[in-house]
PDB file of N, CA and C in Angstrom:
ATOM      1  N   GLN A   1     -16.175 191.063  78.237  1.00  0.00           N
ATOM      2  CA  GLN A   1     -15.013 190.671  78.641  1.00  0.00           C
ATOM      3  C   GLN A   1     -14.877 190.014  79.796  1.00  0.00           C
ATOM      4  N   VAL A   2     -13.737 188.980  79.755  1.00  0.00           N
ATOM      5  CA  VAL A   2     -13.588 188.070  80.824  1.00  0.00           C
ATOM      6  C   VAL A   2     -12.140 188.195  81.347  1.00  0.00           C
ATOM      7  N   GLN A   3     -11.659 188.698  82.320  1.00  0.00           N
ATOM      8  CA  GLN A   3     -10.352 188.568  83.175  1.00  0.00           C
ATOM      9  C   GLN A   3      -9.972 187.452  83.587  1.00  0.00           C
ATOM     10  N   LEU A   4      -8.845 186.758  83.453  1.00  0.00           N
ATOM     11  CA  LEU A   4      -8.385 185.487  84.126  1.00  0.00           C
ATOM     12  C   LEU A   4      -7.126 185.775  84.506  1.00  0.00           C
ATOM     13  N   VAL A   5      -6.872 185.549  85.722  1.00  0.00           N
ATOM     14  CA  VAL A   5      -5.644 185.446  86.718  1.00  0.00           C
ATOM     15  C   VAL A   5      -5.187 184.071  87.180  1.00  0.00           C
ATOM     16  N   GLU A   6      -4.381 183.507  86.837  1.00  0.00           N
ATOM     17  CA  GLU A   6      -3.904 182.242  87.082  1.00  0.00           C
ATOM     18  C   GLU A   6      -2.855 182.475  88.591  1.00  0.00           C
ATOM     19  N   SER A   7      -2.736 181.276  89.467  1.00  0.00           N
ATOM     20  CA  SER A   7      -1.769 181.533  90.704  1.00  0.00           C
ATOM     21  C   SER A   7      -1.597 180.015  90.899  1.00  0.00           C
ATOM     22  N   GLY A   8      -0.561 179.714  91.531  1.00  0.00           N
ATOM     23  CA  GLY A   8      -0.418 178.549  92.468  1.00  0.00           C
ATOM     24  C   GLY A   8       0.776 177.840  91.670  1.00  0.00           C
ATOM     25  N   GLY A   9       1.446 178.447  90.654  1.00  0.00           N
ATOM     26  CA  GLY A   9       2.599 177.785  90.110  1.00  0.00           C
ATOM     27  C   GLY A   9       3.807 177.821  90.993  1.00  0.00           C
ATOM     28  N   GLY A  10       4.908 177.366  90.657  1.00  0.00           N
ATOM     29  CA  GLY A  10       5.979 177.324  91.361  1.00  0.00           C
ATOM     30  C   GLY A  10       7.201 176.184  90.955  1.00  0.00           C
ATOM     31  N   LEU A  11       8.049 175.585  92.078  1.00  0.00           N
ATOM     32  CA  LEU A  11       9.093 174.632  91.823  1.00  0.00           C
ATOM     33  C   LEU A  11       8.685 173.507  92.582  1.00  0.00           C
ATOM     34  N   VAL A  12       8.611 172.408  92.115  1.00  0.00           N
ATOM     35  CA  VAL A  12       8.295 171.278  92.753  1.00  0.00           C
ATOM     36  C   VAL A  12       8.964 170.124  92.388  1.00  0.00           C
ATOM     37  N   GLN A  13       9.475 169.293  93.405  1.00  0.00           N
ATOM     38  CA  GLN A  13      10.158 168.071  92.847  1.00  0.00           C
ATOM     39  C   GLN A  13       9.422 167.009  91.977  1.00  0.00           C
ATOM     40  N   ALA A  14       9.950 166.183  91.161  1.00  0.00           N
ATOM     41  CA  ALA A  14       9.174 165.316  90.776  1.00  0.00           C
ATOM     42  C   ALA A  14       8.694 164.156  91.654  1.00  0.00           C
ATOM     43  N   GLY A  15       7.404 163.755  91.362  1.00  0.00           N
ATOM     44  CA  GLY A  15       6.542 163.118  92.369  1.00  0.00           C
ATOM     45  C   GLY A  15       5.723 163.923  93.220  1.00  0.00           C
ATOM     46  N   GLY A  16       5.839 165.193  93.213  1.00  0.00           N
ATOM     47  CA  GLY A  16       4.934 166.129  93.976  1.00  0.00           C
ATOM     48  C   GLY A  16       3.778 166.736  93.489  1.00  0.00           C
ATOM     49  N   SER A  17       3.321 167.500  94.008  1.00  0.00           N
ATOM     50  CA  SER A  17       1.947 168.068  93.717  1.00  0.00           C
ATOM     51  C   SER A  17       1.830 169.529  93.770  1.00  0.00           C
ATOM     52  N   LEU A  18       0.814 170.123  92.806  1.00  0.00           N
ATOM     53  CA  LEU A  18       0.724 171.407  92.950  1.00  0.00           C
ATOM     54  C   LEU A  18      -0.915 171.767  92.577  1.00  0.00           C
ATOM     55  N   ARG A  19      -1.400 172.719  93.076  1.00  0.00           N
ATOM     56  CA  ARG A  19      -2.853 172.985  92.815  1.00  0.00           C
ATOM     57  C   ARG A  19      -2.793 174.642  91.993  1.00  0.00           C
ATOM     58  N   LEU A  20      -3.304 174.458  90.747  1.00  0.00           N
ATOM     59  CA  LEU A  20      -3.262 175.812  90.001  1.00  0.00           C
ATOM     60  C   LEU A  20      -4.887 176.369  90.614  1.00  0.00           C
ATOM     61  N   SER A  21      -4.635 177.579  90.532  1.00  0.00           N
ATOM     62  CA  SER A  21      -6.133 178.310  90.350  1.00  0.00           C
ATOM     63  C   SER A  21      -6.205 179.288  89.337  1.00  0.00           C
ATOM     64  N   CYS A  22      -7.431 179.595  88.933  1.00  0.00           N
ATOM     65  CA  CYS A  22      -7.676 180.722  87.746  1.00  0.00           C
ATOM     66  C   CYS A  22      -8.794 181.528  88.393  1.00  0.00           C
ATOM     67  N   ALA A  23      -8.574 182.678  88.801  1.00  0.00           N
ATOM     68  CA  ALA A  23     -10.018 183.486  88.997  1.00  0.00           C
ATOM     69  C   ALA A  23     -10.276 184.498  87.729  1.00  0.00           C
ATOM     70  N   ALA A  24     -11.691 184.284  87.538  1.00  0.00           N
ATOM     71  CA  ALA A  24     -12.193 184.862  86.548  1.00  0.00           C
ATOM     72  C   ALA A  24     -13.035 186.219  87.095  1.00  0.00           C
ATOM     73  N   SER A  25     -12.992 187.193  86.244  1.00  0.00           N
ATOM     74  CA  SER A  25     -13.744 188.319  86.616  1.00  0.00           C
ATOM     75  C   SER A  25     -14.119 189.122  85.324  1.00  0.00           C
ATOM     76  N   GLY A  26     -15.187 190.035  85.306  1.00  0.00           N
ATOM     77  CA  GLY A  26     -15.763 190.984  84.304  1.00  0.00           C
ATOM     78  C   GLY A  26     -17.052 189.871  84.089  1.00  0.00           C
ATOM     79  N   ARG A  27     -17.292 189.669  82.871  1.00  0.00           N
ATOM     80  CA  ARG A  27     -18.600 188.975  82.221  1.00  0.00           C
ATOM     81  C   ARG A  27     -18.756 187.472  82.836  1.00  0.00           C
ATOM     82  N   THR A  28     -18.827 187.413  84.209  1.00  0.00           N
ATOM     83  CA  THR A  28     -18.782 186.046  84.839  1.00  0.00           C
ATOM     84  C   THR A  28     -20.262 185.724  85.111  1.00  0.00           C
ATOM     85  N   SER A  29     -21.221 186.565  84.822  1.00  0.00           N
ATOM     86  CA  SER A  29     -22.661 185.951  84.852  1.00  0.00           C
ATOM     87  C   SER A  29     -23.015 185.100  83.807  1.00  0.00           C
ATOM     88  N   SER A  30     -22.318 185.263  82.975  1.00  0.00           N
ATOM     89  CA  SER A  30     -22.448 184.235  81.964  1.00  0.00           C
ATOM     90  C   SER A  30     -22.015 183.046  81.959  1.00  0.00           C
ATOM     91  N   ARG A  31     -22.569 181.910  81.326  1.00  0.00           N
ATOM     92  CA  ARG A  31     -22.169 180.443  81.313  1.00  0.00           C
ATOM     93  C   ARG A  31     -20.892 180.467  80.299  1.00  0.00           C
ATOM     94  N   TYR A  32     -19.812 179.534  80.693  1.00  0.00           N
ATOM     95  CA  TYR A  32     -18.926 179.641  79.955  1.00  0.00           C
ATOM     96  C   TYR A  32     -17.918 178.166  80.381  1.00  0.00           C
ATOM     97  N   ALA A  33     -17.326 177.608  79.422  1.00  0.00           N
ATOM     98  CA  ALA A  33     -16.677 176.459  79.639  1.00  0.00           C
ATOM     99  C   ALA A  33     -15.279 176.869  80.010  1.00  0.00           C
ATOM    100  N   MET A  34     -14.347 176.048  80.502  1.00  0.00           N
ATOM    101  CA  MET A  34     -13.078 176.489  81.103  1.00  0.00           C
ATOM    102  C   MET A  34     -12.157 175.509  80.788  1.00  0.00           C
ATOM    103  N   GLY A  35     -10.803 175.938  80.385  1.00  0.00           N
ATOM    104  CA  GLY A  35      -9.704 175.004  79.993  1.00  0.00           C
ATOM    105  C   GLY A  35      -8.296 175.305  80.513  1.00  0.00           C
ATOM    106  N   TRP A  36      -7.718 174.304  80.568  1.00  0.00           N
ATOM    107  CA  TRP A  36      -6.057 174.604  80.892  1.00  0.00           C
ATOM    108  C   TRP A  36      -5.203 174.070  79.681  1.00  0.00           C
ATOM    109  N   PHE A  37      -4.342 174.890  79.450  1.00  0.00           N
ATOM    110  CA  PHE A  37      -3.517 174.803  78.410  1.00  0.00           C
ATOM    111  C   PHE A  37      -2.002 175.048  78.892  1.00  0.00           C
ATOM    112  N   ARG A  38      -0.812 174.375  78.233  1.00  0.00           N
ATOM    113  CA  ARG A  38       0.360 174.675  78.608  1.00  0.00           C
ATOM    114  C   ARG A  38       1.546 174.741  77.759  1.00  0.00           C
ATOM    115  N   GLN A  39       2.314 175.405  77.666  1.00  0.00           N
ATOM    116  CA  GLN A  39       3.603 175.614  76.824  1.00  0.00           C
ATOM    117  C   GLN A  39       4.850 175.521  77.234  1.00  0.00           C
ATOM    118  N   ALA A  40       5.539 174.580  76.927  1.00  0.00           N
ATOM    119  CA  ALA A  40       6.994 174.284  77.314  1.00  0.00           C
ATOM    120  C   ALA A  40       7.855 175.197  76.585  1.00  0.00           C
ATOM    121  N   PRO A  41       9.142 175.443  76.955  1.00  0.00           N
ATOM    122  CA  PRO A  41      10.050 176.093  76.262  1.00  0.00           C
ATOM    123  C   PRO A  41      10.207 175.450  74.884  1.00  0.00           C
ATOM    124  N   GLY A  42      10.153 176.060  73.754  1.00  0.00           N
ATOM    125  CA  GLY A  42      10.364 175.664  72.561  1.00  0.00           C
ATOM    126  C   GLY A  42       9.244 175.073  71.579  1.00  0.00           C
ATOM    127  N   LYS A  43       8.128 174.853  72.583  1.00  0.00           N
ATOM    128  CA  LYS A  43       7.044 174.116  72.161  1.00  0.00           C
ATOM    129  C   LYS A  43       5.662 174.795  72.032  1.00  0.00           C
ATOM    130  N   GLU A  44       5.052 174.351  71.190  1.00  0.00           N
ATOM    131  CA  GLU A  44       3.680 174.997  70.970  1.00  0.00           C
ATOM    132  C   GLU A  44       2.632 174.490  72.228  1.00  0.00           C
ATOM    133  N   ARG A  45       1.593 175.402  72.277  1.00  0.00           N
ATOM    134  CA  ARG A  45       0.822 175.300  73.326  1.00  0.00           C
ATOM    135  C   ARG A  45       0.094 174.289  73.262  1.00  0.00           C
ATOM    136  N   GLU A  46      -0.213 173.572  74.097  1.00  0.00           N
ATOM    137  CA  GLU A  46      -0.897 172.364  74.229  1.00  0.00           C
ATOM    138  C   GLU A  46      -2.157 172.108  75.048  1.00  0.00           C
ATOM    139  N   PHE A  47      -3.095 171.446  74.688  1.00  0.00           N
ATOM    140  CA  PHE A  47      -4.186 171.184  75.599  1.00  0.00           C
ATOM    141  C   PHE A  47      -3.884 170.276  76.902  1.00  0.00           C
ATOM    142  N   VAL A  48      -4.392 170.555  78.000  1.00  0.00           N
ATOM    143  CA  VAL A  48      -4.058 169.974  79.179  1.00  0.00           C
ATOM    144  C   VAL A  48      -5.673 169.135  79.691  1.00  0.00           C
ATOM    145  N   ALA A  49      -6.394 170.108  80.055  1.00  0.00           N
ATOM    146  CA  ALA A  49      -7.830 169.448  80.601  1.00  0.00           C
ATOM    147  C   ALA A  49      -8.875 170.672  80.292  1.00  0.00           C
ATOM    148  N   ALA A  50     -10.092 170.242  80.161  1.00  0.00           N
ATOM    149  CA  ALA A  50     -11.236 171.229  80.296  1.00  0.00           C
ATOM    150  C   ALA A  50     -12.322 170.621  80.971  1.00  0.00           C
ATOM    151  N   ILE A  51     -13.143 171.755  81.220  1.00  0.00           N
ATOM    152  CA  ILE A  51     -14.657 171.256  82.183  1.00  0.00           C
ATOM    153  C   ILE A  51     -15.600 172.231  81.395  1.00  0.00           C
ATOM    154  N   ASN A  52     -16.962 171.524  81.323  1.00  0.00           N
ATOM    155  CA  ASN A  52     -17.951 172.402  80.931  1.00  0.00           C
ATOM    156  C   ASN A  52     -18.549 173.328  82.107  1.00  0.00           C
ATOM    157  N   TRP A  53     -19.514 173.710  81.923  1.00  0.00           N
ATOM    158  CA  TRP A  53     -20.199 174.849  82.809  1.00  0.00           C
ATOM    159  C   TRP A  53     -20.439 174.359  84.113  1.00  0.00           C
ATOM    160  N   SER A  54     -21.326 173.341  83.926  1.00  0.00           N
ATOM    161  CA  SER A  54     -21.625 172.587  85.476  1.00  0.00           C
ATOM    162  C   SER A  54     -20.836 171.764  85.928  1.00  0.00           C
ATOM    163  N   GLY A  55     -19.629 171.466  85.157  1.00  0.00           N
ATOM    164  CA  GLY A  55     -18.695 170.570  85.947  1.00  0.00           C
ATOM    165  C   GLY A  55     -18.838 168.945  85.473  1.00  0.00           C
ATOM    166  N   SER A  56     -19.922 168.768  84.726  1.00  0.00           N
ATOM    167  CA  SER A  56     -20.464 167.454  84.463  1.00  0.00           C
ATOM    168  C   SER A  56     -19.705 166.644  83.482  1.00  0.00           C
ATOM    169  N   SER A  57     -19.116 167.392  82.679  1.00  0.00           N
ATOM    170  CA  SER A  57     -17.973 166.875  81.671  1.00  0.00           C
ATOM    171  C   SER A  57     -16.879 167.296  81.889  1.00  0.00           C
ATOM    172  N   THR A  58     -15.756 166.570  81.638  1.00  0.00           N
ATOM    173  CA  THR A  58     -14.224 166.784  81.705  1.00  0.00           C
ATOM    174  C   THR A  58     -13.790 166.254  80.499  1.00  0.00           C
ATOM    175  N   ASP A  59     -12.442 166.649  80.271  1.00  0.00           N
ATOM    176  CA  ASP A  59     -11.745 165.833  79.215  1.00  0.00           C
ATOM    177  C   ASP A  59     -10.270 166.357  79.578  1.00  0.00           C
ATOM    178  N   TYR A  60      -9.437 165.319  79.593  1.00  0.00           N
ATOM    179  CA  TYR A  60      -7.988 165.285  79.776  1.00  0.00           C
ATOM    180  C   TYR A  60      -7.120 164.928  78.493  1.00  0.00           C
ATOM    181  N   ALA A  61      -6.123 165.638  78.439  1.00  0.00           N
ATOM    182  CA  ALA A  61      -4.918 164.856  77.330  1.00  0.00           C
ATOM    183  C   ALA A  61      -4.290 163.727  77.989  1.00  0.00           C
ATOM    184  N   ASP A  62      -4.024 162.766  77.293  1.00  0.00           N
ATOM    185  CA  ASP A  62      -3.446 161.335  77.602  1.00  0.00           C
ATOM    186  C   ASP A  62      -2.382 161.725  78.440  1.00  0.00           C
ATOM    187  N   SER A  63      -1.602 162.628  78.231  1.00  0.00           N
ATOM    188  CA  SER A  63      -0.294 162.628  78.896  1.00  0.00           C
ATOM    189  C   SER A  63      -0.532 162.872  80.459  1.00  0.00           C
ATOM    190  N   VAL A  64      -1.792 163.494  80.810  1.00  0.00           N
ATOM    191  CA  VAL A  64      -2.228 163.935  82.223  1.00  0.00           C
ATOM    192  C   VAL A  64      -2.996 162.933  82.868  1.00  0.00           C
ATOM    193  N   LYS A  65      -3.939 162.388  82.174  1.00  0.00           N
ATOM    194  CA  LYS A  65      -4.895 161.462  82.555  1.00  0.00           C
ATOM    195  C   LYS A  65      -4.516 160.487  83.743  1.00  0.00           C
ATOM    196  N   GLY A  66      -5.257 160.519  84.990  1.00  0.00           N
ATOM    197  CA  GLY A  66      -5.011 159.817  85.943  1.00  0.00           C
ATOM    198  C   GLY A  66      -4.163 160.516  86.922  1.00  0.00           C
ATOM    199  N   ARG A  67      -3.517 161.698  86.630  1.00  0.00           N
ATOM    200  CA  ARG A  67      -2.763 162.415  87.472  1.00  0.00           C
ATOM    201  C   ARG A  67      -2.989 163.642  87.916  1.00  0.00           C
ATOM    202  N   PHE A  68      -3.806 164.576  86.795  1.00  0.00           N
ATOM    203  CA  PHE A  68      -4.226 165.847  87.056  1.00  0.00           C
ATOM    204  C   PHE A  68      -6.064 165.751  87.234  1.00  0.00           C
ATOM    205  N   THR A  69      -6.595 166.812  87.868  1.00  0.00           N
ATOM    206  CA  THR A  69      -8.005 166.591  87.882  1.00  0.00           C
ATOM    207  C   THR A  69      -8.248 168.201  87.902  1.00  0.00           C
ATOM    208  N   ILE A  70      -9.211 168.473  87.053  1.00  0.00           N
ATOM    209  CA  ILE A  70      -9.910 169.787  86.703  1.00  0.00           C
ATOM    210  C   ILE A  70     -11.096 169.870  87.432  1.00  0.00           C
ATOM    211  N   SER A  71     -11.207 170.925  88.010  1.00  0.00           N
ATOM    212  CA  SER A  71     -12.665 171.380  88.757  1.00  0.00           C
ATOM    213  C   SER A  71     -12.813 172.628  88.660  1.00  0.00           C
ATOM    214  N   ARG A  72     -14.224 173.095  89.073  1.00  0.00           N
ATOM    215  CA  ARG A  72     -14.455 174.599  89.146  1.00  0.00           C
ATOM    216  C   ARG A  72     -15.585 174.866  90.283  1.00  0.00           C
ATOM    217  N   ASP A  73     -15.415 175.925  90.911  1.00  0.00           N
ATOM    218  CA  ASP A  73     -16.338 176.554  91.754  1.00  0.00           C
ATOM    219  C   ASP A  73     -17.055 177.620  91.108  1.00  0.00           C
ATOM    220  N   ASN A  74     -18.219 177.545  90.692  1.00  0.00           N
ATOM    221  CA  ASN A  74     -18.910 178.636  89.762  1.00  0.00           C
ATOM    222  C   ASN A  74     -19.137 179.936  90.891  1.00  0.00           C
ATOM    223  N   ALA A  75     -19.808 179.624  92.063  1.00  0.00           N
ATOM    224  CA  ALA A  75     -19.883 180.539  92.999  1.00  0.00           C
ATOM    225  C   ALA A  75     -18.586 181.488  93.466  1.00  0.00           C
ATOM    226  N   LYS A  76     -17.406 181.054  93.254  1.00  0.00           N
ATOM    227  CA  LYS A  76     -16.310 181.846  93.370  1.00  0.00           C
ATOM    228  C   LYS A  76     -15.773 182.098  91.981  1.00  0.00           C
ATOM    229  N   ASN A  77     -16.368 181.892  90.847  1.00  0.00           N
ATOM    230  CA  ASN A  77     -15.835 182.056  89.577  1.00  0.00           C
ATOM    231  C   ASN A  77     -14.293 181.430  89.376  1.00  0.00           C
ATOM    232  N   THR A  78     -14.081 180.460  89.853  1.00  0.00           N
ATOM    233  CA  THR A  78     -12.523 180.014  90.036  1.00  0.00           C
ATOM    234  C   THR A  78     -12.373 178.409  89.438  1.00  0.00           C
ATOM    235  N   LEU A  79     -11.427 178.261  88.704  1.00  0.00           N
ATOM    236  CA  LEU A  79     -11.200 177.110  88.006  1.00  0.00           C
ATOM    237  C   LEU A  79      -9.751 176.619  88.924  1.00  0.00           C
ATOM    238  N   TYR A  80      -9.932 175.202  88.921  1.00  0.00           N
ATOM    239  CA  TYR A  80      -8.640 174.532  89.662  1.00  0.00           C
ATOM    240  C   TYR A  80      -8.010 173.330  88.654  1.00  0.00           C
ATOM    241  N   LEU A  81      -6.657 173.392  88.869  1.00  0.00           N
ATOM    242  CA  LEU A  81      -6.281 171.998  88.695  1.00  0.00           C
ATOM    243  C   LEU A  81      -5.310 171.406  89.379  1.00  0.00           C
ATOM    244  N   GLN A  82      -5.736 170.428  89.867  1.00  0.00           N
ATOM    245  CA  GLN A  82      -4.932 169.674  90.973  1.00  0.00           C
ATOM    246  C   GLN A  82      -3.921 168.706  90.059  1.00  0.00           C
ATOM    247  N   MET A  83      -2.613 168.871  90.318  1.00  0.00           N
ATOM    248  CA  MET A  83      -1.461 168.097  89.802  1.00  0.00           C
ATOM    249  C   MET A  83      -0.803 167.316  90.630  1.00  0.00           C
ATOM    250  N   ASN A  84      -0.989 165.991  90.514  1.00  0.00           N
ATOM    251  CA  ASN A  84      -0.326 164.923  91.302  1.00  0.00           C
ATOM    252  C   ASN A  84       0.763 164.055  90.586  1.00  0.00           C
ATOM    253  N   SER A  85       1.732 163.621  91.361  1.00  0.00           N
ATOM    254  CA  SER A  85       2.478 162.675  90.522  1.00  0.00           C
ATOM    255  C   SER A  85       3.497 163.681  89.274  1.00  0.00           C
ATOM    256  N   LEU A  86       3.665 164.595  89.503  1.00  0.00           N
ATOM    257  CA  LEU A  86       4.638 165.797  88.680  1.00  0.00           C
ATOM    258  C   LEU A  86       5.574 165.092  87.760  1.00  0.00           C
ATOM    259  N   LYS A  87       5.875 165.143  86.719  1.00  0.00           N
ATOM    260  CA  LYS A  87       7.180 164.817  86.166  1.00  0.00           C
ATOM    261  C   LYS A  87       7.833 165.915  85.644  1.00  0.00           C
ATOM    262  N   PRO A  88       9.000 165.817  85.174  1.00  0.00           N
ATOM    263  CA  PRO A  88       9.838 167.093  84.882  1.00  0.00           C
ATOM    264  C   PRO A  88       9.278 167.370  83.344  1.00  0.00           C
ATOM    265  N   GLU A  89       8.489 166.486  82.648  1.00  0.00           N
ATOM    266  CA  GLU A  89       7.997 166.777  81.310  1.00  0.00           C
ATOM    267  C   GLU A  89       6.606 167.801  81.428  1.00  0.00           C
ATOM    268  N   ASP A  90       6.205 167.926  82.769  1.00  0.00           N
ATOM    269  CA  ASP A  90       5.053 168.833  83.097  1.00  0.00           C
ATOM    270  C   ASP A  90       5.498 170.258  83.149  1.00  0.00           C
ATOM    271  N   THR A  91       6.732 170.355  83.246  1.00  0.00           N
ATOM    272  CA  THR A  91       7.417 171.647  83.446  1.00  0.00           C
ATOM    273  C   THR A  91       6.786 172.659  81.996  1.00  0.00           C
ATOM    274  N   ALA A  92       6.238 173.786  82.338  1.00  0.00           N
ATOM    275  CA  ALA A  92       5.767 174.581  81.439  1.00  0.00           C
ATOM    276  C   ALA A  92       4.882 175.727  81.775  1.00  0.00           C
ATOM    277  N   VAL A  93       4.562 176.879  81.409  1.00  0.00           N
ATOM    278  CA  VAL A  93       3.647 177.985  81.622  1.00  0.00           C
ATOM    279  C   VAL A  93       2.286 177.454  81.411  1.00  0.00           C
ATOM    280  N   TYR A  94       1.502 177.411  82.432  1.00  0.00           N
ATOM    281  CA  TYR A  94       0.047 176.970  82.388  1.00  0.00           C
ATOM    282  C   TYR A  94      -0.922 178.040  82.238  1.00  0.00           C
ATOM    283  N   TYR A  95      -1.698 177.759  81.258  1.00  0.00           N
ATOM    284  CA  TYR A  95      -2.514 179.018  80.860  1.00  0.00           C
ATOM    285  C   TYR A  95      -4.038 178.415  81.132  1.00  0.00           C
ATOM    286  N   CYS A  96      -5.077 179.253  81.892  1.00  0.00           N
ATOM    287  CA  CYS A  96      -6.548 178.872  81.728  1.00  0.00           C
ATOM    288  C   CYS A  96      -7.048 179.816  80.635  1.00  0.00           C
ATOM    289  N   ALA A  97      -8.213 179.280  80.291  1.00  0.00           N
ATOM    290  CA  ALA A  97      -8.951 179.907  78.968  1.00  0.00           C
ATOM    291  C   ALA A  97     -10.348 179.961  79.517  1.00  0.00           C
ATOM    292  N   VAL A  98     -11.295 180.553  78.868  1.00  0.00           N
ATOM    293  CA  VAL A  98     -12.832 180.649  78.756  1.00  0.00           C
ATOM    294  C   VAL A  98     -13.535 180.564  77.505  1.00  0.00           C
ATOM    295  N   GLU A  99     -14.203 179.679  77.200  1.00  0.00           N
ATOM    296  CA  GLU A  99     -14.903 179.575  76.052  1.00  0.00           C
ATOM    297  C   GLU A  99     -16.447 179.840  76.317  1.00  0.00           C
ATOM    298  N   MET A 100     -17.062 180.857  75.762  1.00  0.00           N
ATOM    299  CA  MET A 100     -18.308 181.656  75.922  1.00  0.00           C
ATOM    300  C   MET A 100     -19.410 180.832  75.178  1.00  0.00           C
ATOM    301  N   LEU A 101     -19.077 180.392  74.002  1.00  0.00           N
ATOM    302  CA  LEU A 101     -20.353 179.913  73.097  1.00  0.00           C
ATOM    303  C   LEU A 101     -20.691 178.552  73.524  1.00  0.00           C
ATOM    304  N   ARG A 102     -19.838 177.734  73.573  1.00  0.00           N
ATOM    305  CA  ARG A 102     -20.162 176.134  73.606  1.00  0.00           C
ATOM    306  C   ARG A 102     -19.940 175.742  75.058  1.00  0.00           C
ATOM    307  N   TRP A 103     -20.586 176.590  76.097  1.00  0.00           N
ATOM    308  CA  TRP A 103     -20.270 176.319  77.639  1.00  0.00           C
ATOM    309  C   TRP A 103     -20.791 175.032  78.129  1.00  0.00           C
ATOM    310  N   ASN A 104     -21.516 174.368  77.383  1.00  0.00           N
ATOM    311  CA  ASN A 104     -21.607 172.775  77.762  1.00  0.00           C
ATOM    312  C   ASN A 104     -21.102 171.652  77.322  1.00  0.00           C
ATOM    313  N   ILE A 105     -20.000 172.054  76.704  1.00  0.00           N
ATOM    314  CA  ILE A 105     -18.878 171.072  76.100  1.00  0.00           C
ATOM    315  C   ILE A 105     -17.546 171.370  76.806  1.00  0.00           C
ATOM    316  N   ALA A 106     -16.820 170.500  76.895  1.00  0.00           N
ATOM    317  CA  ALA A 106     -15.449 170.549  77.691  1.00  0.00           C
ATOM    318  C   ALA A 106     -14.617 170.457  76.393  1.00  0.00           C
ATOM    319  N   THR A 107     -14.182 171.373  75.807  1.00  0.00           N
ATOM    320  CA  THR A 107     -13.494 171.341  74.580  1.00  0.00           C
ATOM    321  C   THR A 107     -12.121 171.321  74.644  1.00  0.00           C
ATOM    322  N   ARG A 108     -11.479 170.673  73.744  1.00  0.00           N
ATOM    323  CA  ARG A 108     -10.169 170.789  73.799  1.00  0.00           C
ATOM    324  C   ARG A 108      -9.350 171.810  72.774  1.00  0.00           C
ATOM    325  N   ARG A 109     -10.585 172.212  71.893  1.00  0.00           N
ATOM    326  CA  ARG A 109      -9.661 172.869  70.655  1.00  0.00           C
ATOM    327  C   ARG A 109      -9.233 174.439  71.232  1.00  0.00           C
ATOM    328  N   GLU A 110      -8.077 174.768  71.160  1.00  0.00           N
ATOM    329  CA  GLU A 110      -7.582 176.015  71.597  1.00  0.00           C
ATOM    330  C   GLU A 110      -8.341 177.145  70.707  1.00  0.00           C
ATOM    331  N   ALA A 111      -8.489 176.938  69.328  1.00  0.00           N
ATOM    332  CA  ALA A 111      -9.362 178.072  68.794  1.00  0.00           C
ATOM    333  C   ALA A 111     -10.729 178.214  69.397  1.00  0.00           C
ATOM    334  N   ASP A 112     -11.331 177.454  70.010  1.00  0.00           N
ATOM    335  CA  ASP A 112     -12.756 177.662  70.599  1.00  0.00           C
ATOM    336  C   ASP A 112     -12.765 178.615  71.570  1.00  0.00           C
ATOM    337  N   TYR A 113     -11.458 179.029  72.368  1.00  0.00           N
ATOM    338  CA  TYR A 113     -11.391 179.545  73.586  1.00  0.00           C
ATOM    339  C   TYR A 113     -11.238 181.175  73.268  1.00  0.00           C
ATOM    340  N   ASP A 114     -11.907 181.944  74.008  1.00  0.00           N
ATOM    341  CA  ASP A 114     -12.135 183.243  73.784  1.00  0.00           C
ATOM    342  C   ASP A 114     -11.341 184.118  74.688  1.00  0.00           C
ATOM    343  N   TYR A 115     -11.010 183.890  75.699  1.00  0.00           N
ATOM    344  CA  TYR A 115     -10.178 184.697  76.639  1.00  0.00           C
ATOM    345  C   TYR A 115      -9.317 183.784  77.462  1.00  0.00           C
ATOM    346  N   TRP A 116      -8.168 184.507  77.540  1.00  0.00           N
ATOM    347  CA  TRP A 116      -7.154 183.468  78.228  1.00  0.00           C
ATOM    348  C   TRP A 116      -6.374 184.704  79.251  1.00  0.00           C
ATOM    349  N   GLY A 117      -5.594 183.791  80.211  1.00  0.00           N
ATOM    350  CA  GLY A 117      -4.826 184.461  81.220  1.00  0.00           C
ATOM    351  C   GLY A 117      -3.458 184.476  80.944  1.00  0.00           C
ATOM    352  N   GLN A 118      -2.742 185.305  81.874  1.00  0.00           N
ATOM    353  CA  GLN A 118      -1.469 185.519  81.499  1.00  0.00           C
ATOM    354  C   GLN A 118      -0.361 184.111  81.727  1.00  0.00           C
ATOM    355  N   GLY A 119      -0.851 183.361  82.422  1.00  0.00           N
ATOM    356  CA  GLY A 119      -0.045 182.180  82.653  1.00  0.00           C
ATOM    357  C   GLY A 119       0.512 182.142  83.869  1.00  0.00           C
ATOM    358  N   THR A 120       0.787 180.706  84.611  1.00  0.00           N
ATOM    359  CA  THR A 120       1.870 180.717  85.921  1.00  0.00           C
ATOM    360  C   THR A 120       2.537 179.504  85.297  1.00  0.00           C
ATOM    361  N   GLN A 121       3.796 179.999  85.911  1.00  0.00           N
ATOM    362  CA  GLN A 121       5.105 178.946  85.768  1.00  0.00           C
ATOM    363  C   GLN A 121       5.044 177.735  86.571  1.00  0.00           C
ATOM    364  N   VAL A 122       5.153 176.507  86.005  1.00  0.00           N
ATOM    365  CA  VAL A 122       5.303 175.399  86.982  1.00  0.00           C
ATOM    366  C   VAL A 122       6.630 174.716  86.390  1.00  0.00           C
ATOM    367  N   THR A 123       7.512 174.476  87.531  1.00  0.00           N
ATOM    368  CA  THR A 123       9.046 173.786  87.195  1.00  0.00           C
ATOM    369  C   THR A 123       8.842 172.775  87.939  1.00  0.00           C
ATOM    370  N   VAL A 124       9.347 171.396  87.393  1.00  0.00           N
ATOM    371  CA  VAL A 124       9.091 170.267  88.173  1.00  0.00           C
ATOM    372  C   VAL A 124      10.700 169.496  87.924  1.00  0.00           C
ATOM    373  N   SER A 125      11.501 169.608  89.137  1.00  0.00           N
ATOM    374  CA  SER A 125      12.819 169.281  89.137  1.00  0.00           C
ATOM    375  C   SER A 125      12.859 167.693  89.106  1.00  0.00           C
ATOM    376  N   SER A 126      13.915 167.002  88.654  1.00  0.00           N
ATOM    377  CA  SER A 126      14.278 165.605  88.543  1.00  0.00           C
ATOM    378  C   SER A 126      14.950 165.121  89.751  1.00  0.00           C
TER     379      SER A 126
END
């Protein structure tokens, strides 16, 4: 079991920045890939970014490429998402997730992920 707790969400004006964190605990001695997903009101959850165990491979949704940066600190068991140039359409609940099996791949497939956090709200005002 892996427990995930997101933090860092909040209200920000368009063009601003936020940094999300996701702290992992439990079975953290194993290797795992991690990802960020988001769900806006009335919409399905969608992929945002992913990173493999070593951090050597990342993947981004086209909508955030060039604005968001995913990173991780394995010594701290923490995943990050630096979000710059935020837009109102980035408003959503952001979830982090862990993928245990294919830990060397930055997968964007939601079904590949085994554990999920409770989410943190990001609201971008225009």
